[in-house]
Protein backbone atom coordinates (compact mmCIF):
# COMPACT_ATOMS: atom_id res chain seq x y z
CA UNK A 1 5.54 20.21 -18.72
CA UNK A 2 1.96 20.25 -19.95
CA UNK A 3 0.30 16.87 -20.33
CA UNK A 4 -3.12 16.78 -21.94
CA UNK A 5 -5.44 14.05 -20.70
CA UNK A 6 -7.29 12.29 -23.51
CA UNK A 7 -10.48 11.00 -21.87
CA UNK A 8 -12.02 10.17 -25.24
CA UNK A 9 -9.14 7.81 -26.07
CA UNK A 10 -9.43 6.26 -22.59
CA UNK A 11 -13.14 5.62 -23.21
CA UNK A 12 -12.42 4.09 -26.63
CA UNK A 13 -9.84 1.75 -25.07
CA UNK A 14 -12.32 0.66 -22.38
CA UNK A 15 -15.01 0.06 -25.00
CA UNK A 16 -12.62 -1.95 -27.20
CA UNK A 17 -11.49 -4.02 -24.19
CA UNK A 18 -15.12 -4.86 -23.37
CA UNK A 19 -16.11 -5.44 -27.02
CA UNK A 20 -13.24 -7.86 -27.59
CA UNK A 21 -13.50 -9.49 -24.14
CA UNK A 22 -9.90 -8.83 -23.10
CA UNK A 23 -10.39 -10.03 -19.53
CA UNK A 24 -7.07 -9.09 -17.96
CA UNK A 25 -7.48 -5.47 -19.08
CA UNK A 26 -10.94 -5.14 -17.43
CA UNK A 27 -9.47 -4.66 -13.97
CA UNK A 28 -6.82 -2.06 -14.72
CA UNK A 29 -7.18 1.68 -15.03
CA UNK A 30 -5.59 3.07 -18.18
CA UNK A 31 -4.98 6.79 -18.32
CA UNK A 32 -4.02 8.33 -21.67
CA UNK A 33 -2.12 11.59 -21.94
CA UNK A 34 -0.63 13.52 -24.82
CA UNK A 35 2.76 15.15 -24.35
CA UNK A 36 3.25 17.82 -27.03
CA UNK A 37 6.57 18.94 -25.54
CA UNK A 38 8.49 15.70 -25.78
CA UNK A 39 11.55 15.71 -28.02
CA UNK A 40 11.70 11.93 -28.12
CA UNK A 41 11.57 10.15 -31.44
CA UNK A 42 9.37 7.53 -29.79
CA UNK A 43 5.69 7.57 -30.69
CA UNK A 44 4.33 6.44 -27.32
CA UNK A 45 5.33 5.12 -23.91
CA UNK A 46 3.53 3.29 -21.15
CA UNK A 47 4.15 3.70 -17.45
CA UNK A 48 2.99 1.46 -14.63
CA UNK A 49 2.43 2.50 -11.04
CA UNK A 50 4.34 0.12 -8.78
CA UNK A 51 2.47 -2.32 -6.55
CA UNK A 52 3.66 -0.66 -3.34
CA UNK A 53 2.04 2.65 -4.38
CA UNK A 54 -1.14 0.85 -5.41
CA UNK A 55 -1.45 -0.93 -2.07
CA UNK A 56 -0.46 1.98 0.17
CA UNK A 57 -2.73 4.43 -1.66
CA UNK A 58 -5.56 1.94 -2.21
CA UNK A 59 -5.43 2.17 -5.99
CA UNK A 60 -6.44 -0.33 -8.65
CA UNK A 61 -3.63 -1.28 -11.00
CA UNK A 62 -2.94 1.91 -12.99
CA UNK A 63 -1.13 2.33 -16.27
CA UNK A 64 -0.43 5.63 -17.98
CA UNK A 65 -0.12 5.65 -21.76
CA UNK A 66 1.83 8.68 -22.94
CA UNK A 67 1.34 9.60 -26.58
CA UNK A 68 4.15 11.75 -27.95
CA UNK A 69 4.32 14.37 -30.69
CA UNK A 70 5.15 11.92 -33.56
CA UNK A 71 1.87 10.11 -32.79
CA UNK A 72 -0.07 12.98 -34.40
CA UNK A 73 1.54 12.34 -37.80
CA UNK A 74 0.38 8.71 -37.98
CA UNK A 75 -2.61 7.42 -39.89
CA UNK A 76 -5.54 6.07 -37.89
CA UNK A 77 -4.50 2.46 -38.61
CA UNK A 78 -0.96 3.19 -37.41
CA UNK A 79 -2.31 4.86 -34.27
CA UNK A 80 -4.39 1.78 -33.50
CA UNK A 81 -1.29 -0.41 -33.81
CA UNK A 82 0.56 1.87 -31.39
CA UNK A 83 -2.29 1.51 -28.88
CA UNK A 84 -2.18 -2.28 -29.36
CA UNK A 85 1.58 -2.23 -28.81
CA UNK A 86 1.34 -0.27 -25.57
CA UNK A 87 -1.53 -2.42 -24.24
CA UNK A 88 0.53 -5.57 -24.91
CA UNK A 89 3.01 -4.30 -22.30
CA UNK A 90 0.37 -4.79 -19.56
CA UNK A 91 0.86 -8.26 -18.05
CA UNK A 92 -1.99 -10.51 -16.94
CA UNK A 93 -0.72 -10.16 -13.35
CA UNK A 94 -1.93 -6.54 -13.28
CA UNK A 95 0.92 -5.81 -10.88
CA UNK A 96 1.87 -2.38 -12.15
CA UNK A 97 4.92 -3.90 -13.79
CA UNK A 98 5.46 -3.77 -17.52
CA UNK A 99 6.01 -6.72 -19.79
CA UNK A 100 9.17 -6.55 -21.93
CA UNK A 101 9.21 -7.51 -25.61
CA UNK A 102 9.06 -11.21 -24.79
CA UNK A 103 7.06 -14.11 -26.22
CA UNK A 104 3.91 -13.21 -24.24
CA UNK A 105 4.18 -9.58 -25.35
CA UNK A 106 4.33 -10.49 -29.04
CA UNK A 107 1.49 -13.00 -28.66
CA UNK A 108 -0.76 -10.31 -27.15
CA UNK A 109 0.38 -7.63 -29.58
CA UNK A 110 -0.53 -9.82 -32.56
CA UNK A 111 -3.90 -10.57 -30.96
CA UNK A 112 -4.71 -6.91 -30.24
CA UNK A 113 -3.41 -5.66 -33.60
CA UNK A 114 -5.65 -8.22 -35.32
CA UNK A 115 -8.72 -7.39 -33.24
CA UNK A 116 -8.55 -3.60 -33.09
CA UNK A 117 -9.75 -1.57 -36.04
CA UNK A 118 -9.88 2.16 -36.59
CA UNK A 119 -13.66 2.00 -36.09
CA UNK A 120 -13.04 0.85 -32.48
CA UNK A 121 -11.30 4.17 -31.78
CA UNK A 122 -13.28 7.12 -33.18
CA UNK A 123 -11.11 9.50 -31.13
CA UNK A 124 -8.02 8.40 -33.09
CA UNK A 125 -9.38 9.30 -36.50
CA UNK A 126 -7.31 11.97 -38.22
CA UNK A 127 -10.08 14.58 -38.25
CA UNK A 128 -11.30 13.84 -34.70
CA UNK A 129 -9.47 16.86 -33.32
CA UNK A 130 -6.64 15.01 -31.63
């Protein structure tokens, strides 16, 4: 399986997190990959590395955002909402766990979706070569 790391999207996420002062996301590492081989109908997924692996290997909290083939067909605004959705799964505890679609998730999703604009993510623009 060939995953393609998207460093430009990672940089855009870090810049947006700093620009919008999203404190709990400052201390986590977010890796973004594109999976062109997935047959899933999902647009994106997020994976957390469990606390035991973080502690044993001396890692910061790490989350991997996997963008799937249907992501490419979305408009820039829709792509930004997908990024906001996946980031809302990262809890303030930074434990490596993922937040389900609960009250805190929807609160953060609405916040991020309202803050983030296509201009915050130049790498997600349709003609940016993604």
